[in-house]
Amino acid sequence: MKRVVVVAGILMLSVGAVVAQQEVANQTQTAMKATGRAMGGLAPMVKGEKPYDQAVVDTSLAQLEETAKKLPAMFPDSIKGLKIEGDYSSSPKVWEDKAGFAAKIDSYAKAVTEAKAKIKDLDSLKAAMPTIGKECSGCHETYRLKNG
């Protein structure tokens, strides 16, 4: 009887750990989608498809900055190799090259912080977006995998 209770307890802890890992992965994915929406709010202005709107710029940059602050904690060892639903997942390189990944995060955060201080009109938005986009996509090229 004791063995059954111990085994059941271990199984419950294991299930709890998997659920917690999945929750961390889901939170990371939610933050990345919010970042994508923020970039999507800025791109039409840069392309001339929408008029410049400082409120949208401020909201979008705040989201990018929030993500930049959270990024270092978004990829704990506990989610390494975890397959999540959606279009993308984290590459094993996130954990294999922690120093390189941290450097990419720092570079992205710096680009966002500098842009936030400089963007006051369409011209400054157009000047800043290539740097932010390069930092964002540069990380994706190395540390993100397409599911499927």
C-alpha atoms as a PDB file:
ATOM      1  CA  MET A   1       0.000   0.000   0.000  1.00  0.00           C
ATOM      2  CA  LYS A   2       2.836   2.382   0.856  1.00  0.00           C
ATOM      3  CA  ARG A   3       4.376   1.764  -2.548  1.00  0.00           C
ATOM      4  CA  VAL A   4       1.134   2.670  -4.285  1.00  0.00           C
ATOM      5  CA  VAL A   5       0.916   5.921  -2.339  1.00  0.00           C
ATOM      6  CA  VAL A   6       4.573   6.756  -3.073  1.00  0.00           C
ATOM      7  CA  VAL A   7       4.213   5.944  -6.775  1.00  0.00           C
ATOM      8  CA  ALA A   8       1.003   7.961  -6.991  1.00  0.00           C
ATOM      9  CA  GLY A   9       2.713  10.893  -5.279  1.00  0.00           C
ATOM     10  CA  ILE A  10       5.648  10.747  -7.669  1.00  0.00           C
ATOM     11  CA  LEU A  11       3.325  10.593 -10.660  1.00  0.00           C
ATOM     12  CA  MET A  12       1.375  13.596  -9.399  1.00  0.00           C
ATOM     13  CA  LEU A  13       4.592  15.572  -8.936  1.00  0.00           C
ATOM     14  CA  SER A  14       5.736  14.608 -12.440  1.00  0.00           C
ATOM     15  CA  VAL A  15       2.436  15.709 -13.962  1.00  0.00           C
ATOM     16  CA  GLY A  16       2.647  18.966 -12.002  1.00  0.00           C
ATOM     17  CA  ALA A  17       6.171  19.600 -13.299  1.00  0.00           C
ATOM     18  CA  VAL A  18       5.098  19.006 -16.903  1.00  0.00           C
ATOM     19  CA  VAL A  19       2.136  21.350 -16.475  1.00  0.00           C
ATOM     20  CA  ALA A  20       4.430  24.014 -14.987  1.00  0.00           C
ATOM     21  CA  GLN A  21       6.901  23.638 -17.871  1.00  0.00           C
ATOM     22  CA  GLN A  22       4.115  23.953 -20.406  1.00  0.00           C
ATOM     23  CA  GLU A  23       2.832  27.083 -18.630  1.00  0.00           C
ATOM     24  CA  VAL A  24       6.271  28.728 -18.842  1.00  0.00           C
ATOM     25  CA  ALA A  25       6.469  27.840 -22.531  1.00  0.00           C
ATOM     26  CA  ASN A  26       2.953  29.214 -23.113  1.00  0.00           C
ATOM     27  CA  GLN A  27       3.824  32.466 -21.333  1.00  0.00           C
ATOM     28  CA  THR A  28       6.922  32.812 -23.508  1.00  0.00           C
ATOM     29  CA  GLN A  29       4.898  32.201 -26.636  1.00  0.00           C
ATOM     30  CA  THR A  30       2.261  34.750 -25.539  1.00  0.00           C
ATOM     31  CA  ALA A  31       4.954  37.375 -24.959  1.00  0.00           C
ATOM     32  CA  MET A  32       6.496  36.702 -28.363  1.00  0.00           C
ATOM     33  CA  LYS A  33       3.131  37.037 -30.066  1.00  0.00           C
ATOM     34  CA  ALA A  34       2.563  40.354 -28.287  1.00  0.00           C
ATOM     35  CA  THR A  35       5.961  41.486 -29.537  1.00  0.00           C
ATOM     36  CA  GLY A  36       4.987  40.489 -33.063  1.00  0.00           C
ATOM     37  CA  ARG A  37       1.786  42.512 -32.787  1.00  0.00           C
ATOM     38  CA  ALA A  38       3.796  45.491 -31.539  1.00  0.00           C
ATOM     39  CA  MET A  39       6.131  45.274 -34.519  1.00  0.00           C
ATOM     40  CA  GLY A  40       3.047  44.889 -36.704  1.00  0.00           C
ATOM     41  CA  GLY A  41       1.730  48.180 -35.323  1.00  0.00           C
ATOM     42  CA  LEU A  42       4.888  50.000 -36.377  1.00  0.00           C
ATOM     43  CA  ALA A  43       5.612  48.472 -39.781  1.00  0.00           C
ATOM     44  CA  PRO A  44       2.587  49.962 -41.630  1.00  0.00           C
ATOM     45  CA  MET A  45       3.656  53.454 -40.551  1.00  0.00           C
ATOM     46  CA  VAL A  46       7.196  52.889 -41.798  1.00  0.00           C
ATOM     47  CA  LYS A  47       5.831  51.601 -45.119  1.00  0.00           C
ATOM     48  CA  GLY A  48       3.484  54.553 -45.496  1.00  0.00           C
ATOM     49  CA  GLU A  49       0.400  52.344 -45.278  1.00  0.00           C
ATOM     50  CA  LYS A  50      -0.863  54.110 -42.134  1.00  0.00           C
ATOM     51  CA  PRO A  51      -0.314  57.609 -40.813  1.00  0.00           C
ATOM     52  CA  TYR A  52       2.179  58.171 -38.020  1.00  0.00           C
ATOM     53  CA  ASP A  53       0.503  57.762 -34.625  1.00  0.00           C
ATOM     54  CA  GLN A  54       2.611  58.542 -31.565  1.00  0.00           C
ATOM     55  CA  ALA A  55       0.197  56.683 -29.263  1.00  0.00           C
ATOM     56  CA  VAL A  56       0.632  53.473 -31.283  1.00  0.00           C
ATOM     57  CA  VAL A  57       4.396  54.019 -31.350  1.00  0.00           C
ATOM     58  CA  ASP A  58       4.522  54.505 -27.590  1.00  0.00           C
ATOM     59  CA  THR A  59       2.353  51.450 -26.906  1.00  0.00           C
ATOM     60  CA  SER A  60       4.340  49.294 -29.322  1.00  0.00           C
ATOM     61  CA  LEU A  61       7.695  50.387 -27.931  1.00  0.00           C
ATOM     62  CA  ALA A  62       6.467  49.765 -24.383  1.00  0.00           C
ATOM     63  CA  GLN A  63       5.563  46.195 -25.390  1.00  0.00           C
ATOM     64  CA  LEU A  64       8.948  45.662 -27.034  1.00  0.00           C
ATOM     65  CA  GLU A  65      10.665  46.992 -23.925  1.00  0.00           C
ATOM     66  CA  GLU A  66       8.563  44.777 -21.644  1.00  0.00           C
ATOM     67  CA  THR A  67       9.499  41.718 -23.673  1.00  0.00           C
ATOM     68  CA  ALA A  68      13.172  42.717 -23.662  1.00  0.00           C
ATOM     69  CA  LYS A  69      13.098  42.885 -19.857  1.00  0.00           C
ATOM     70  CA  LYS A  70      11.412  39.488 -19.555  1.00  0.00           C
ATOM     71  CA  LEU A  71      13.516  37.643 -22.149  1.00  0.00           C
ATOM     72  CA  PRO A  72      16.347  36.531 -19.831  1.00  0.00           C
ATOM     73  CA  ALA A  73      13.888  34.596 -17.647  1.00  0.00           C
ATOM     74  CA  MET A  74      11.703  33.255 -20.463  1.00  0.00           C
ATOM     75  CA  PHE A  75      13.913  30.308 -21.348  1.00  0.00           C
ATOM     76  CA  PRO A  76      14.704  28.368 -18.157  1.00  0.00           C
ATOM     77  CA  ASP A  77      16.434  25.005 -18.400  1.00  0.00           C
ATOM     78  CA  SER A  78      13.144  23.349 -17.431  1.00  0.00           C
ATOM     79  CA  ILE A  79      11.635  24.020 -20.861  1.00  0.00           C
ATOM     80  CA  LYS A  80      14.642  22.863 -22.902  1.00  0.00           C
ATOM     81  CA  GLY A  81      13.384  20.503 -25.579  1.00  0.00           C
ATOM     82  CA  LEU A  82       9.740  21.028 -24.706  1.00  0.00           C
ATOM     83  CA  LYS A  83       7.580  20.905 -27.817  1.00  0.00           C
ATOM     84  CA  ILE A  84       4.809  23.461 -27.749  1.00  0.00           C
ATOM     85  CA  GLU A  85       1.834  23.994 -29.965  1.00  0.00           C
ATOM     86  CA  GLY A  86       2.133  26.777 -32.476  1.00  0.00           C
ATOM     87  CA  ASP A  87       4.246  27.721 -35.433  1.00  0.00           C
ATOM     88  CA  TYR A  88       7.591  28.010 -33.652  1.00  0.00           C
ATOM     89  CA  SER A  89       9.582  26.616 -30.761  1.00  0.00           C
ATOM     90  CA  SER A  90      12.919  27.344 -29.157  1.00  0.00           C
ATOM     91  CA  SER A  91      16.045  25.920 -30.712  1.00  0.00           C
ATOM     92  CA  PRO A  92      18.319  23.813 -28.494  1.00  0.00           C
ATOM     93  CA  LYS A  93      20.917  26.505 -29.245  1.00  0.00           C
ATOM     94  CA  VAL A  94      19.193  28.708 -26.634  1.00  0.00           C
ATOM     95  CA  TRP A  95      20.686  26.424 -23.974  1.00  0.00           C
ATOM     96  CA  GLU A  96      23.785  25.258 -25.842  1.00  0.00           C
ATOM     97  CA  ASP A  97      24.971  28.830 -26.451  1.00  0.00           C
ATOM     98  CA  LYS A  98      23.717  30.678 -23.381  1.00  0.00           C
ATOM     99  CA  ALA A  99      26.352  33.413 -23.713  1.00  0.00           C
ATOM    100  CA  GLY A 100      25.457  34.057 -27.354  1.00  0.00           C
ATOM    101  CA  PHE A 101      21.755  34.050 -26.557  1.00  0.00           C
ATOM    102  CA  ALA A 102      22.288  36.468 -23.657  1.00  0.00           C
ATOM    103  CA  ALA A 103      24.313  38.743 -25.948  1.00  0.00           C
ATOM    104  CA  LYS A 104      21.461  38.760 -28.492  1.00  0.00           C
ATOM    105  CA  ILE A 105      18.965  39.637 -25.769  1.00  0.00           C
ATOM    106  CA  ASP A 106      21.191  42.471 -24.557  1.00  0.00           C
ATOM    107  CA  SER A 107      21.627  43.793 -28.075  1.00  0.00           C
ATOM    108  CA  TYR A 108      17.872  43.705 -28.708  1.00  0.00           C
ATOM    109  CA  ALA A 109      17.142  45.421 -25.381  1.00  0.00           C
ATOM    110  CA  LYS A 110      19.676  48.139 -26.159  1.00  0.00           C
ATOM    111  CA  ALA A 111      18.150  48.750 -29.601  1.00  0.00           C
ATOM    112  CA  VAL A 112      14.663  49.068 -28.108  1.00  0.00           C
ATOM    113  CA  THR A 113      15.803  51.371 -25.305  1.00  0.00           C
ATOM    114  CA  GLU A 114      17.674  53.633 -27.707  1.00  0.00           C
ATOM    115  CA  ALA A 115      14.738  53.732 -30.115  1.00  0.00           C
ATOM    116  CA  LYS A 116      12.305  54.554 -27.347  1.00  0.00           C
ATOM    117  CA  ALA A 117      14.418  57.587 -26.424  1.00  0.00           C
ATOM    118  CA  LYS A 118      14.727  58.790 -30.032  1.00  0.00           C
ATOM    119  CA  ILE A 119      11.428  58.134 -31.805  1.00  0.00           C
ATOM    120  CA  LYS A 120       9.371  61.317 -31.888  1.00  0.00           C
ATOM    121  CA  ASP A 121       8.172  61.394 -35.501  1.00  0.00           C
ATOM    122  CA  LEU A 122       7.947  59.323 -38.681  1.00  0.00           C
ATOM    123  CA  ASP A 123      11.528  60.025 -39.755  1.00  0.00           C
ATOM    124  CA  SER A 124      12.957  58.874 -36.427  1.00  0.00           C
ATOM    125  CA  LEU A 125      10.718  55.789 -36.536  1.00  0.00           C
ATOM    126  CA  LYS A 126      11.984  54.960 -40.019  1.00  0.00           C
ATOM    127  CA  ALA A 127      15.560  55.392 -38.823  1.00  0.00           C
ATOM    128  CA  ALA A 128      15.118  53.157 -35.768  1.00  0.00           C
ATOM    129  CA  MET A 129      13.048  50.290 -37.151  1.00  0.00           C
ATOM    130  CA  PRO A 130      15.766  48.607 -39.227  1.00  0.00           C
ATOM    131  CA  THR A 131      17.945  48.223 -36.135  1.00  0.00           C
ATOM    132  CA  ILE A 132      15.121  46.837 -34.009  1.00  0.00           C
ATOM    133  CA  GLY A 133      14.033  44.519 -36.814  1.00  0.00           C
ATOM    134  CA  LYS A 134      17.590  43.297 -37.366  1.00  0.00           C
ATOM    135  CA  GLU A 135      18.056  42.528 -33.670  1.00  0.00           C
ATOM    136  CA  CYS A 136      14.689  40.781 -33.433  1.00  0.00           C
ATOM    137  CA  SER A 137      15.089  38.669 -36.563  1.00  0.00           C
ATOM    138  CA  GLY A 138      18.764  37.971 -35.873  1.00  0.00           C
ATOM    139  CA  CYS A 139      17.788  36.117 -32.738  1.00  0.00           C
ATOM    140  CA  HIS A 140      15.054  34.236 -34.574  1.00  0.00           C
ATOM    141  CA  GLU A 141      17.483  33.026 -37.231  1.00  0.00           C
ATOM    142  CA  THR A 142      19.646  31.269 -34.656  1.00  0.00           C
ATOM    143  CA  TYR A 143      17.431  30.529 -31.682  1.00  0.00           C
ATOM    144  CA  ARG A 144      13.983  29.758 -33.103  1.00  0.00           C
ATOM    145  CA  LEU A 145      12.749  26.696 -34.999  1.00  0.00           C
ATOM    146  CA  LYS A 146       9.718  26.365 -37.209  1.00  0.00           C
ATOM    147  CA  ASN A 147       7.454  23.574 -36.012  1.00  0.00           C
ATOM    148  CA  GLY A 148       6.142  21.167 -38.403  1.00  0.00           C
END
